Amino acid sequence: MSAMQSPLGEFEVMVLLAVLHLADAAYPPSVRSEIERRARRKVARGAIYVTLDRLESKGLLSSASADEHTPGARPRRTYRATQRGLRALRRAMAAVERMKAGLEPVLNQS
């Protein structure tokens, strides 16, 4: 990890993973739905927007206005993980795996 790049938080990891799952359909409401569906966790609407903005300002996501042809409709912003975002996600996932190593007997108890 570079000195300037702080580690990702749990929710940031979930948002990045949701963006990857959604590919070209990664706009804020779909990111929220994806996390709620896959993680079975309620997510505040504002939390999605704040986290997407933070990840974009860190250079881990990029966004663009999607083409909308509905008159009067606000354009949707779609998000993509950057190469830097993918590296940060890989580091975060690897750190969790390293911490988990050897704990399978404890974690798999009923």
PDB file of N, CA and C in Angstrom:
ATOM      1  N   MET A   1       0.848  -1.172   0.000  1.00  0.00           N
ATOM      2  CA  MET A   1       0.000   0.000   0.000  1.00  0.00           C
ATOM      3  C   MET A   1       0.889   1.229   0.000  1.00  0.00           C
ATOM      4  N   SER A   2       0.569   2.177  -0.815  1.00  0.00           N
ATOM      5  CA  SER A   2       1.355   3.409  -0.861  1.00  0.00           C
ATOM      6  C   SER A   2       1.057   4.240   0.381  1.00  0.00           C
ATOM      7  N   ALA A   3       1.975   5.112   0.720  1.00  0.00           N
ATOM      8  CA  ALA A   3       1.808   5.939   1.905  1.00  0.00           C
ATOM      9  C   ALA A   3       0.586   6.851   1.783  1.00  0.00           C
ATOM     10  N   MET A   4       0.232   7.232   0.565  1.00  0.00           N
ATOM     11  CA  MET A   4      -0.877   8.160   0.366  1.00  0.00           C
ATOM     12  C   MET A   4      -2.223   7.448   0.297  1.00  0.00           C
ATOM     13  N   GLN A   5      -2.244   6.169   0.008  1.00  0.00           N
ATOM     14  CA  GLN A   5      -3.499   5.438  -0.160  1.00  0.00           C
ATOM     15  C   GLN A   5      -3.908   4.781   1.153  1.00  0.00           C
ATOM     16  N   SER A   6      -5.014   5.232   1.725  1.00  0.00           N
ATOM     17  CA  SER A   6      -5.498   4.627   2.960  1.00  0.00           C
ATOM     18  C   SER A   6      -6.216   3.321   2.623  1.00  0.00           C
ATOM     19  N   PRO A   7      -6.249   2.395   3.589  1.00  0.00           N
ATOM     20  CA  PRO A   7      -6.939   1.131   3.329  1.00  0.00           C
ATOM     21  C   PRO A   7      -8.442   1.363   3.133  1.00  0.00           C
ATOM     22  N   LEU A   8      -9.054   0.457   2.424  1.00  0.00           N
ATOM     23  CA  LEU A   8     -10.494   0.549   2.182  1.00  0.00           C
ATOM     24  C   LEU A   8     -11.261   0.067   3.397  1.00  0.00           C
ATOM     25  N   GLY A   9     -12.372   0.725   3.668  1.00  0.00           N
ATOM     26  CA  GLY A   9     -13.291   0.271   4.699  1.00  0.00           C
ATOM     27  C   GLY A   9     -14.204  -0.811   4.139  1.00  0.00           C
ATOM     28  N   GLU A  10     -14.899  -1.498   5.027  1.00  0.00           N
ATOM     29  CA  GLU A  10     -15.790  -2.584   4.622  1.00  0.00           C
ATOM     30  C   GLU A  10     -16.841  -2.120   3.612  1.00  0.00           C
ATOM     31  N   PHE A  11     -17.471  -0.979   3.875  1.00  0.00           N
ATOM     32  CA  PHE A  11     -18.515  -0.514   2.973  1.00  0.00           C
ATOM     33  C   PHE A  11     -17.938  -0.085   1.630  1.00  0.00           C
ATOM     34  N   GLU A  12     -16.747   0.501   1.637  1.00  0.00           N
ATOM     35  CA  GLU A  12     -16.102   0.860   0.372  1.00  0.00           C
ATOM     36  C   GLU A  12     -15.827  -0.388  -0.462  1.00  0.00           C
ATOM     37  N   VAL A  13     -15.408  -1.460   0.186  1.00  0.00           N
ATOM     38  CA  VAL A  13     -15.182  -2.732  -0.524  1.00  0.00           C
ATOM     39  C   VAL A  13     -16.494  -3.209  -1.142  1.00  0.00           C
ATOM     40  N   MET A  14     -17.587  -3.152  -0.365  1.00  0.00           N
ATOM     41  CA  MET A  14     -18.883  -3.596  -0.892  1.00  0.00           C
ATOM     42  C   MET A  14     -19.318  -2.763  -2.084  1.00  0.00           C
ATOM     43  N   VAL A  15     -19.104  -1.457  -2.019  1.00  0.00           N
ATOM     44  CA  VAL A  15     -19.491  -0.582  -3.132  1.00  0.00           C
ATOM     45  C   VAL A  15     -18.659  -0.910  -4.372  1.00  0.00           C
ATOM     46  N   LEU A  16     -17.362  -1.078  -4.211  1.00  0.00           N
ATOM     47  CA  LEU A  16     -16.521  -1.433  -5.360  1.00  0.00           C
ATOM     48  C   LEU A  16     -16.936  -2.775  -5.955  1.00  0.00           C
ATOM     49  N   LEU A  17     -17.215  -3.760  -5.109  1.00  0.00           N
ATOM     50  CA  LEU A  17     -17.645  -5.069  -5.612  1.00  0.00           C
ATOM     51  C   LEU A  17     -18.980  -4.958  -6.349  1.00  0.00           C
ATOM     52  N   ALA A  18     -19.900  -4.168  -5.814  1.00  0.00           N
ATOM     53  CA  ALA A  18     -21.197  -3.982  -6.486  1.00  0.00           C
ATOM     54  C   ALA A  18     -21.007  -3.330  -7.847  1.00  0.00           C
ATOM     55  N   VAL A  19     -20.135  -2.332  -7.928  1.00  0.00           N
ATOM     56  CA  VAL A  19     -19.854  -1.669  -9.213  1.00  0.00           C
ATOM     57  C   VAL A  19     -19.317  -2.693 -10.206  1.00  0.00           C
ATOM     58  N   LEU A  20     -18.427  -3.560  -9.760  1.00  0.00           N
ATOM     59  CA  LEU A  20     -17.886  -4.586 -10.663  1.00  0.00           C
ATOM     60  C   LEU A  20     -18.983  -5.547 -11.123  1.00  0.00           C
ATOM     61  N   HIS A  21     -19.842  -5.978 -10.210  1.00  0.00           N
ATOM     62  CA  HIS A  21     -20.935  -6.889 -10.581  1.00  0.00           C
ATOM     63  C   HIS A  21     -21.875  -6.246 -11.603  1.00  0.00           C
ATOM     64  N   LEU A  22     -22.139  -4.968 -11.446  1.00  0.00           N
ATOM     65  CA  LEU A  22     -23.123  -4.287 -12.287  1.00  0.00           C
ATOM     66  C   LEU A  22     -22.586  -3.849 -13.643  1.00  0.00           C
ATOM     67  N   ALA A  23     -21.282  -3.738 -13.765  1.00  0.00           N
ATOM     68  CA  ALA A  23     -20.640  -3.336 -15.023  1.00  0.00           C
ATOM     69  C   ALA A  23     -21.251  -2.029 -15.532  1.00  0.00           C
ATOM     70  N   ASP A  24     -21.819  -2.016 -16.726  1.00  0.00           N
ATOM     71  CA  ASP A  24     -22.339  -0.790 -17.338  1.00  0.00           C
ATOM     72  C   ASP A  24     -23.607  -0.261 -16.668  1.00  0.00           C
ATOM     73  N   ALA A  25     -24.207  -1.023 -15.766  1.00  0.00           N
ATOM     74  CA  ALA A  25     -25.434  -0.597 -15.093  1.00  0.00           C
ATOM     75  C   ALA A  25     -25.161  -0.101 -13.677  1.00  0.00           C
ATOM     76  N   ALA A  26     -23.919   0.307 -13.395  1.00  0.00           N
ATOM     77  CA  ALA A  26     -23.542   0.726 -12.048  1.00  0.00           C
ATOM     78  C   ALA A  26     -23.853   2.201 -11.825  1.00  0.00           C
ATOM     79  N   TYR A  27     -25.095   2.500 -11.521  1.00  0.00           N
ATOM     80  CA  TYR A  27     -25.493   3.840 -11.130  1.00  0.00           C
ATOM     81  C   TYR A  27     -26.010   3.740  -9.693  1.00  0.00           C
ATOM     82  N   PRO A  28     -26.068   4.839  -8.936  1.00  0.00           N
ATOM     83  CA  PRO A  28     -26.290   4.745  -7.495  1.00  0.00           C
ATOM     84  C   PRO A  28     -27.449   3.855  -7.020  1.00  0.00           C
ATOM     85  N   PRO A  29     -28.665   3.973  -7.561  1.00  0.00           N
ATOM     86  CA  PRO A  29     -29.726   3.091  -7.053  1.00  0.00           C
ATOM     87  C   PRO A  29     -29.448   1.604  -7.293  1.00  0.00           C
ATOM     88  N   SER A  30     -28.829   1.277  -8.422  1.00  0.00           N
ATOM     89  CA  SER A  30     -28.545  -0.138  -8.681  1.00  0.00           C
ATOM     90  C   SER A  30     -27.417  -0.646  -7.786  1.00  0.00           C
ATOM     91  N   VAL A  31     -26.450   0.224  -7.450  1.00  0.00           N
ATOM     92  CA  VAL A  31     -25.382  -0.168  -6.521  1.00  0.00           C
ATOM     93  C   VAL A  31     -25.999  -0.474  -5.162  1.00  0.00           C
ATOM     94  N   ARG A  32     -26.892   0.377  -4.728  1.00  0.00           N
ATOM     95  CA  ARG A  32     -27.580   0.163  -3.437  1.00  0.00           C
ATOM     96  C   ARG A  32     -28.349  -1.163  -3.453  1.00  0.00           C
ATOM     97  N   SER A  33     -29.109  -1.401  -4.490  1.00  0.00           N
ATOM     98  CA  SER A  33     -29.890  -2.644  -4.590  1.00  0.00           C
ATOM     99  C   SER A  33     -28.990  -3.873  -4.609  1.00  0.00           C
ATOM    100  N   GLU A  34     -27.873  -3.774  -5.318  1.00  0.00           N
ATOM    101  CA  GLU A  34     -26.944  -4.904  -5.427  1.00  0.00           C
ATOM    102  C   GLU A  34     -26.364  -5.255  -4.055  1.00  0.00           C
ATOM    103  N   ILE A  35     -25.984  -4.241  -3.295  1.00  0.00           N
ATOM    104  CA  ILE A  35     -25.446  -4.493  -1.948  1.00  0.00           C
ATOM    105  C   ILE A  35     -26.532  -5.081  -1.055  1.00  0.00           C
ATOM    106  N   GLU A  36     -27.734  -4.515  -1.105  1.00  0.00           N
ATOM    107  CA  GLU A  36     -28.822  -5.030  -0.270  1.00  0.00           C
ATOM    108  C   GLU A  36     -29.150  -6.479  -0.617  1.00  0.00           C
ATOM    109  N   ARG A  37     -29.139  -6.803  -1.899  1.00  0.00           N
ATOM    110  CA  ARG A  37     -29.472  -8.158  -2.335  1.00  0.00           C
ATOM    111  C   ARG A  37     -28.372  -9.147  -1.977  1.00  0.00           C
ATOM    112  N   ARG A  38     -27.134  -8.822  -2.300  1.00  0.00           N
ATOM    113  CA  ARG A  38     -26.037  -9.769  -2.086  1.00  0.00           C
ATOM    114  C   ARG A  38     -25.572  -9.839  -0.633  1.00  0.00           C
ATOM    115  N   ALA A  39     -25.479  -8.695   0.040  1.00  0.00           N
ATOM    116  CA  ALA A  39     -24.976  -8.673   1.418  1.00  0.00           C
ATOM    117  C   ALA A  39     -26.102  -8.835   2.440  1.00  0.00           C
ATOM    118  N   ARG A  40     -27.346  -8.775   1.936  1.00  0.00           N
ATOM    119  CA  ARG A  40     -28.517  -8.853   2.824  1.00  0.00           C
ATOM    120  C   ARG A  40     -28.398  -7.821   3.942  1.00  0.00           C
ATOM    121  N   ARG A  41     -28.132  -6.608   3.514  1.00  0.00           N
ATOM    122  CA  ARG A  41     -27.883  -5.501   4.442  1.00  0.00           C
ATOM    123  C   ARG A  41     -28.599  -4.269   3.924  1.00  0.00           C
ATOM    124  N   LYS A  42     -29.367  -3.609   4.783  1.00  0.00           N
ATOM    125  CA  LYS A  42     -30.037  -2.364   4.404  1.00  0.00           C
ATOM    126  C   LYS A  42     -28.998  -1.265   4.249  1.00  0.00           C
ATOM    127  N   VAL A  43     -29.168  -0.447   3.225  1.00  0.00           N
ATOM    128  CA  VAL A  43     -28.210   0.615   2.935  1.00  0.00           C
ATOM    129  C   VAL A  43     -28.967   1.927   2.766  1.00  0.00           C
ATOM    130  N   ALA A  44     -28.531   2.950   3.487  1.00  0.00           N
ATOM    131  CA  ALA A  44     -29.130   4.277   3.341  1.00  0.00           C
ATOM    132  C   ALA A  44     -28.752   4.853   1.983  1.00  0.00           C
ATOM    133  N   ARG A  45     -29.709   5.489   1.354  1.00  0.00           N
ATOM    134  CA  ARG A  45     -29.465   6.068   0.028  1.00  0.00           C
ATOM    135  C   ARG A  45     -28.295   7.042   0.043  1.00  0.00           C
ATOM    136  N   GLY A  46     -28.248   7.887   1.055  1.00  0.00           N
ATOM    137  CA  GLY A  46     -27.176   8.871   1.145  1.00  0.00           C
ATOM    138  C   GLY A  46     -25.803   8.239   1.276  1.00  0.00           C
ATOM    139  N   ALA A  47     -25.738   7.086   1.956  1.00  0.00           N
ATOM    140  CA  ALA A  47     -24.446   6.411   2.142  1.00  0.00           C
ATOM    141  C   ALA A  47     -23.838   6.011   0.802  1.00  0.00           C
ATOM    142  N   ILE A  48     -24.688   5.620  -0.135  1.00  0.00           N
ATOM    143  CA  ILE A  48     -24.200   5.224  -1.460  1.00  0.00           C
ATOM    144  C   ILE A  48     -23.573   6.427  -2.165  1.00  0.00           C
ATOM    145  N   TYR A  49     -24.287   7.545  -2.188  1.00  0.00           N
ATOM    146  CA  TYR A  49     -23.795   8.733  -2.880  1.00  0.00           C
ATOM    147  C   TYR A  49     -22.495   9.244  -2.259  1.00  0.00           C
ATOM    148  N   VAL A  50     -22.444   9.294  -0.929  1.00  0.00           N
ATOM    149  CA  VAL A  50     -21.242   9.769  -0.237  1.00  0.00           C
ATOM    150  C   VAL A  50     -20.058   8.856  -0.547  1.00  0.00           C
ATOM    151  N   THR A  51     -20.290   7.552  -0.514  1.00  0.00           N
ATOM    152  CA  THR A  51     -19.202   6.593  -0.738  1.00  0.00           C
ATOM    153  C   THR A  51     -18.750   6.602  -2.193  1.00  0.00           C
ATOM    154  N   LEU A  52     -19.675   6.677  -3.133  1.00  0.00           N
ATOM    155  CA  LEU A  52     -19.289   6.768  -4.545  1.00  0.00           C
ATOM    156  C   LEU A  52     -18.444   8.026  -4.787  1.00  0.00           C
ATOM    157  N   ASP A  53     -18.869   9.144  -4.218  1.00  0.00           N
ATOM    158  CA  ASP A  53     -18.101  10.384  -4.376  1.00  0.00           C
ATOM    159  C   ASP A  53     -16.708  10.251  -3.768  1.00  0.00           C
ATOM    160  N   ARG A  54     -16.622   9.658  -2.571  1.00  0.00           N
ATOM    161  CA  ARG A  54     -15.328   9.495  -1.904  1.00  0.00           C
ATOM    162  C   ARG A  54     -14.402   8.595  -2.714  1.00  0.00           C
ATOM    163  N   LEU A  55     -14.942   7.479  -3.213  1.00  0.00           N
ATOM    164  CA  LEU A  55     -14.127   6.566  -4.014  1.00  0.00           C
ATOM    165  C   LEU A  55     -13.674   7.220  -5.310  1.00  0.00           C
ATOM    166  N   GLU A  56     -14.526   8.054  -5.890  1.00  0.00           N
ATOM    167  CA  GLU A  56     -14.135   8.761  -7.108  1.00  0.00           C
ATOM    168  C   GLU A  56     -13.051   9.795  -6.794  1.00  0.00           C
ATOM    169  N   SER A  57     -13.176  10.498  -5.674  1.00  0.00           N
ATOM    170  CA  SER A  57     -12.156  11.499  -5.333  1.00  0.00           C
ATOM    171  C   SER A  57     -10.818  10.850  -4.996  1.00  0.00           C
ATOM    172  N   LYS A  58     -10.840   9.595  -4.548  1.00  0.00           N
ATOM    173  CA  LYS A  58      -9.604   8.849  -4.289  1.00  0.00           C
ATOM    174  C   LYS A  58      -9.016   8.267  -5.578  1.00  0.00           C
ATOM    175  N   GLY A  59      -9.751   8.384  -6.677  1.00  0.00           N
ATOM    176  CA  GLY A  59      -9.276   7.844  -7.950  1.00  0.00           C
ATOM    177  C   GLY A  59      -9.538   6.356  -8.110  1.00  0.00           C
ATOM    178  N   LEU A  60     -10.428   5.806  -7.283  1.00  0.00           N
ATOM    179  CA  LEU A  60     -10.721   4.376  -7.341  1.00  0.00           C
ATOM    180  C   LEU A  60     -11.909   4.064  -8.241  1.00  0.00           C
ATOM    181  N   LEU A  61     -12.710   5.068  -8.507  1.00  0.00           N
ATOM    182  CA  LEU A  61     -13.839   4.963  -9.436  1.00  0.00           C
ATOM    183  C   LEU A  61     -13.777   6.140 -10.394  1.00  0.00           C
ATOM    184  N   SER A  62     -14.371   5.951 -11.558  1.00  0.00           N
ATOM    185  CA  SER A  62     -14.605   7.065 -12.471  1.00  0.00           C
ATOM    186  C   SER A  62     -16.090   7.058 -12.796  1.00  0.00           C
ATOM    187  N   SER A  63     -16.612   8.206 -13.183  1.00  0.00           N
ATOM    188  CA  SER A  63     -18.039   8.269 -13.509  1.00  0.00           C
ATOM    189  C   SER A  63     -18.234   9.036 -14.802  1.00  0.00           C
ATOM    190  N   ALA A  64     -19.392   8.802 -15.381  1.00  0.00           N
ATOM    191  CA  ALA A  64     -19.776   9.504 -16.606  1.00  0.00           C
ATOM    192  C   ALA A  64     -21.285   9.613 -16.630  1.00  0.00           C
ATOM    193  N   SER A  65     -21.778  10.632 -17.318  1.00  0.00           N
ATOM    194  CA  SER A  65     -23.224  10.760 -17.501  1.00  0.00           C
ATOM    195  C   SER A  65     -23.667   9.773 -18.563  1.00  0.00           C
ATOM    196  N   ALA A  66     -24.665   8.981 -18.211  1.00  0.00           N
ATOM    197  CA  ALA A  66     -25.216   8.031 -19.182  1.00  0.00           C
ATOM    198  C   ALA A  66     -26.137   8.784 -20.125  1.00  0.00           C
ATOM    199  N   ASP A  67     -26.264   8.294 -21.338  1.00  0.00           N
ATOM    200  CA  ASP A  67     -27.170   8.897 -22.305  1.00  0.00           C
ATOM    201  C   ASP A  67     -28.601   8.595 -21.911  1.00  0.00           C
ATOM    202  N   GLU A  68     -29.351   9.609 -21.609  1.00  0.00           N
ATOM    203  CA  GLU A  68     -30.776   9.449 -21.295  1.00  0.00           C
ATOM    204  C   GLU A  68     -31.574  10.212 -22.341  1.00  0.00           C
ATOM    205  N   HIS A  69     -32.557   9.582 -22.876  1.00  0.00           N
ATOM    206  CA  HIS A  69     -33.368  10.216 -23.913  1.00  0.00           C
ATOM    207  C   HIS A  69     -34.749  10.607 -23.414  1.00  0.00           C
ATOM    208  N   THR A  70     -34.948  10.565 -22.101  1.00  0.00           N
ATOM    209  CA  THR A  70     -36.228  10.940 -21.536  1.00  0.00           C
ATOM    210  C   THR A  70     -36.231  12.446 -21.282  1.00  0.00           C
ATOM    211  N   PRO A  71     -37.119  13.178 -21.947  1.00  0.00           N
ATOM    212  CA  PRO A  71     -37.160  14.635 -21.748  1.00  0.00           C
ATOM    213  C   PRO A  71     -37.435  14.972 -20.283  1.00  0.00           C
ATOM    214  N   GLY A  72     -36.670  15.919 -19.752  1.00  0.00           N
ATOM    215  CA  GLY A  72     -36.872  16.357 -18.379  1.00  0.00           C
ATOM    216  C   GLY A  72     -36.227  15.470 -17.326  1.00  0.00           C
ATOM    217  N   ALA A  73     -35.726  14.322 -17.739  1.00  0.00           N
ATOM    218  CA  ALA A  73     -35.100  13.410 -16.776  1.00  0.00           C
ATOM    219  C   ALA A  73     -33.668  13.850 -16.507  1.00  0.00           C
ATOM    220  N   ARG A  74     -33.254  13.696 -15.257  1.00  0.00           N
ATOM    221  CA  ARG A  74     -31.856  13.988 -14.920  1.00  0.00           C
ATOM    222  C   ARG A  74     -30.980  12.869 -15.482  1.00  0.00           C
ATOM    223  N   PRO A  75     -29.824  13.219 -16.012  1.00  0.00           N
ATOM    224  CA  PRO A  75     -28.944  12.165 -16.527  1.00  0.00           C
ATOM    225  C   PRO A  75     -28.406  11.296 -15.385  1.00  0.00           C
ATOM    226  N   ARG A  76     -28.309  10.032 -15.646  1.00  0.00           N
ATOM    227  CA  ARG A  76     -27.751   9.098 -14.671  1.00  0.00           C
ATOM    228  C   ARG A  76     -26.237   9.138 -14.746  1.00  0.00           C
ATOM    229  N   ARG A  77     -25.597   9.050 -13.594  1.00  0.00           N
ATOM    230  CA  ARG A  77     -24.143   8.894 -13.534  1.00  0.00           C
ATOM    231  C   ARG A  77     -23.870   7.414 -13.349  1.00  0.00           C
ATOM    232  N   THR A  78     -23.070   6.888 -14.238  1.00  0.00           N
ATOM    233  CA  THR A  78     -22.647   5.502 -14.094  1.00  0.00           C
ATOM    234  C   THR A  78     -21.196   5.481 -13.620  1.00  0.00           C
ATOM    235  N   TYR A  79     -20.845   4.438 -12.915  1.00  0.00           N
ATOM    236  CA  TYR A  79     -19.524   4.338 -12.301  1.00  0.00           C
ATOM    237  C   TYR A  79     -18.796   3.107 -12.796  1.00  0.00           C
ATOM    238  N   ARG A  80     -17.464   3.224 -12.851  1.00  0.00           N
ATOM    239  CA  ARG A  80     -16.572   2.116 -13.215  1.00  0.00           C
ATOM    240  C   ARG A  80     -15.390   2.136 -12.270  1.00  0.00           C
ATOM    241  N   ALA A  81     -14.906   0.957 -11.944  1.00  0.00           N
ATOM    242  CA  ALA A  81     -13.684   0.863 -11.150  1.00  0.00           C
ATOM    243  C   ALA A  81     -12.501   1.203 -12.039  1.00  0.00           C
ATOM    244  N   THR A  82     -11.588   1.980 -11.525  1.00  0.00           N
ATOM    245  CA  THR A  82     -10.350   2.297 -12.246  1.00  0.00           C
ATOM    246  C   THR A  82      -9.335   1.187 -11.954  1.00  0.00           C
ATOM    247  N   GLN A  83      -8.222   1.208 -12.658  1.00  0.00           N
ATOM    248  CA  GLN A  83      -7.148   0.242 -12.373  1.00  0.00           C
ATOM    249  C   GLN A  83      -6.658   0.403 -10.938  1.00  0.00           C
ATOM    250  N   ARG A  84      -6.554   1.639 -10.512  1.00  0.00           N
ATOM    251  CA  ARG A  84      -6.163   1.906  -9.119  1.00  0.00           C
ATOM    252  C   ARG A  84      -7.193   1.321  -8.143  1.00  0.00           C
ATOM    253  N   GLY A  85      -8.464   1.427  -8.481  1.00  0.00           N
ATOM    254  CA  GLY A  85      -9.525   0.861  -7.650  1.00  0.00           C
ATOM    255  C   GLY A  85      -9.442  -0.653  -7.576  1.00  0.00           C
ATOM    256  N   LEU A  86      -9.157  -1.286  -8.719  1.00  0.00           N
ATOM    257  CA  LEU A  86      -9.007  -2.742  -8.739  1.00  0.00           C
ATOM    258  C   LEU A  86      -7.830  -3.184  -7.875  1.00  0.00           C
ATOM    259  N   ARG A  87      -6.717  -2.454  -7.949  1.00  0.00           N
ATOM    260  CA  ARG A  87      -5.552  -2.790  -7.112  1.00  0.00           C
ATOM    261  C   ARG A  87      -5.885  -2.637  -5.628  1.00  0.00           C
ATOM    262  N   ALA A  88      -6.566  -1.561  -5.276  1.00  0.00           N
ATOM    263  CA  ALA A  88      -6.942  -1.333  -3.878  1.00  0.00           C
ATOM    264  C   ALA A  88      -7.886  -2.428  -3.387  1.00  0.00           C
ATOM    265  N   LEU A  89      -8.806  -2.843  -4.238  1.00  0.00           N
ATOM    266  CA  LEU A  89      -9.743  -3.906  -3.882  1.00  0.00           C
ATOM    267  C   LEU A  89      -9.014  -5.234  -3.692  1.00  0.00           C
ATOM    268  N   ARG A  90      -8.093  -5.541  -4.591  1.00  0.00           N
ATOM    269  CA  ARG A  90      -7.301  -6.772  -4.448  1.00  0.00           C
ATOM    270  C   ARG A  90      -6.515  -6.768  -3.146  1.00  0.00           C
ATOM    271  N   ARG A  91      -5.906  -5.619  -2.804  1.00  0.00           N
ATOM    272  CA  ARG A  91      -5.150  -5.520  -1.546  1.00  0.00           C
ATOM    273  C   ARG A  91      -6.055  -5.735  -0.336  1.00  0.00           C
ATOM    274  N   ALA A  92      -7.232  -5.122  -0.354  1.00  0.00           N
ATOM    275  CA  ALA A  92      -8.168  -5.250   0.767  1.00  0.00           C
ATOM    276  C   ALA A  92      -8.624  -6.699   0.928  1.00  0.00           C
ATOM    277  N   MET A  93      -8.944  -7.349  -0.188  1.00  0.00           N
ATOM    278  CA  MET A  93      -9.411  -8.739  -0.139  1.00  0.00           C
ATOM    279  C   MET A  93      -8.283  -9.667   0.335  1.00  0.00           C
ATOM    280  N   ALA A  94      -7.060  -9.419  -0.119  1.00  0.00           N
ATOM    281  CA  ALA A  94      -5.917 -10.235   0.284  1.00  0.00           C
ATOM    282  C   ALA A  94      -5.638 -10.070   1.777  1.00  0.00           C
ATOM    283  N   ALA A  95      -5.788  -8.856   2.298  1.00  0.00           N
ATOM    284  CA  ALA A  95      -5.562  -8.615   3.726  1.00  0.00           C
ATOM    285  C   ALA A  95      -6.571  -9.387   4.566  1.00  0.00           C
ATOM    286  N   VAL A  96      -7.831  -9.404   4.142  1.00  0.00           N
ATOM    287  CA  VAL A  96      -8.855 -10.170   4.865  1.00  0.00           C
ATOM    288  C   VAL A  96      -8.529 -11.655   4.807  1.00  0.00           C
ATOM    289  N   GLU A  97      -8.131 -12.142   3.656  1.00  0.00           N
ATOM    290  CA  GLU A  97      -7.775 -13.570   3.532  1.00  0.00           C
ATOM    291  C   GLU A  97      -6.600 -13.932   4.432  1.00  0.00           C
ATOM    292  N   ARG A  98      -5.594 -13.059   4.510  1.00  0.00           N
ATOM    293  CA  ARG A  98      -4.450 -13.324   5.390  1.00  0.00           C
ATOM    294  C   ARG A  98      -4.875 -13.361   6.856  1.00  0.00           C
ATOM    295  N   MET A  99      -5.763 -12.454   7.240  1.00  0.00           N
ATOM    296  CA  MET A  99      -6.242 -12.420   8.622  1.00  0.00           C
ATOM    297  C   MET A  99      -7.113 -13.638   8.935  1.00  0.00           C
ATOM    298  N   LYS A 100      -7.830 -14.129   7.946  1.00  0.00           N
ATOM    299  CA  LYS A 100      -8.733 -15.271   8.122  1.00  0.00           C
ATOM    300  C   LYS A 100      -7.975 -16.598   8.198  1.00  0.00           C
ATOM    301  N   ALA A 101      -6.799 -16.652   7.590  1.00  0.00           N
ATOM    302  CA  ALA A 101      -6.030 -17.904   7.515  1.00  0.00           C
ATOM    303  C   ALA A 101      -5.822 -18.495   8.908  1.00  0.00           C
ATOM    304  N   GLY A 102      -6.165 -19.757   9.041  1.00  0.00           N
ATOM    305  CA  GLY A 102      -6.004 -20.476  10.294  1.00  0.00           C
ATOM    306  C   GLY A 102      -7.198 -20.396  11.226  1.00  0.00           C
ATOM    307  N   LEU A 103      -8.155 -19.552  10.897  1.00  0.00           N
ATOM    308  CA  LEU A 103      -9.339 -19.399  11.752  1.00  0.00           C
ATOM    309  C   LEU A 103     -10.544 -20.187  11.257  1.00  0.00           C
ATOM    310  N   GLU A 104     -10.370 -20.972  10.200  1.00  0.00           N
ATOM    311  CA  GLU A 104     -11.505 -21.717   9.636  1.00  0.00           C
ATOM    312  C   GLU A 104     -12.222 -22.563  10.683  1.00  0.00           C
ATOM    313  N   PRO A 105     -11.487 -23.290  11.569  1.00  0.00           N
ATOM    314  CA  PRO A 105     -12.201 -24.089  12.573  1.00  0.00           C
ATOM    315  C   PRO A 105     -13.094 -23.234  13.486  1.00  0.00           C
ATOM    316  N   VAL A 106     -12.634 -22.059  13.834  1.00  0.00           N
ATOM    317  CA  VAL A 106     -13.413 -21.178  14.713  1.00  0.00           C
ATOM    318  C   VAL A 106     -14.577 -20.560  13.933  1.00  0.00           C
ATOM    319  N   LEU A 107     -14.298 -20.081  12.740  1.00  0.00           N
ATOM    320  CA  LEU A 107     -15.323 -19.394  11.943  1.00  0.00           C
ATOM    321  C   LEU A 107     -16.391 -20.348  11.405  1.00  0.00           C
ATOM    322  N   ASN A 108     -16.053 -21.618  11.237  1.00  0.00           N
ATOM    323  CA  ASN A 108     -17.016 -22.573  10.686  1.00  0.00           C
ATOM    324  C   ASN A 108     -17.819 -23.307  11.736  1.00  0.00           C
ATOM    325  N   GLN A 109     -17.652 -22.954  13.017  1.00  0.00           N
ATOM    326  CA  GLN A 109     -18.442 -23.588  14.079  1.00  0.00           C
ATOM    327  C   GLN A 109     -19.879 -23.113  13.972  1.00  0.00           C
ATOM    328  N   SER A 110     -20.798 -24.020  14.348  1.00  0.00           N
ATOM    329  CA  SER A 110     -22.202 -23.596  14.309  1.00  0.00           C
ATOM    330  C   SER A 110     -22.636 -22.995  15.608  1.00  0.00           C
TER     331      SER A 110
END
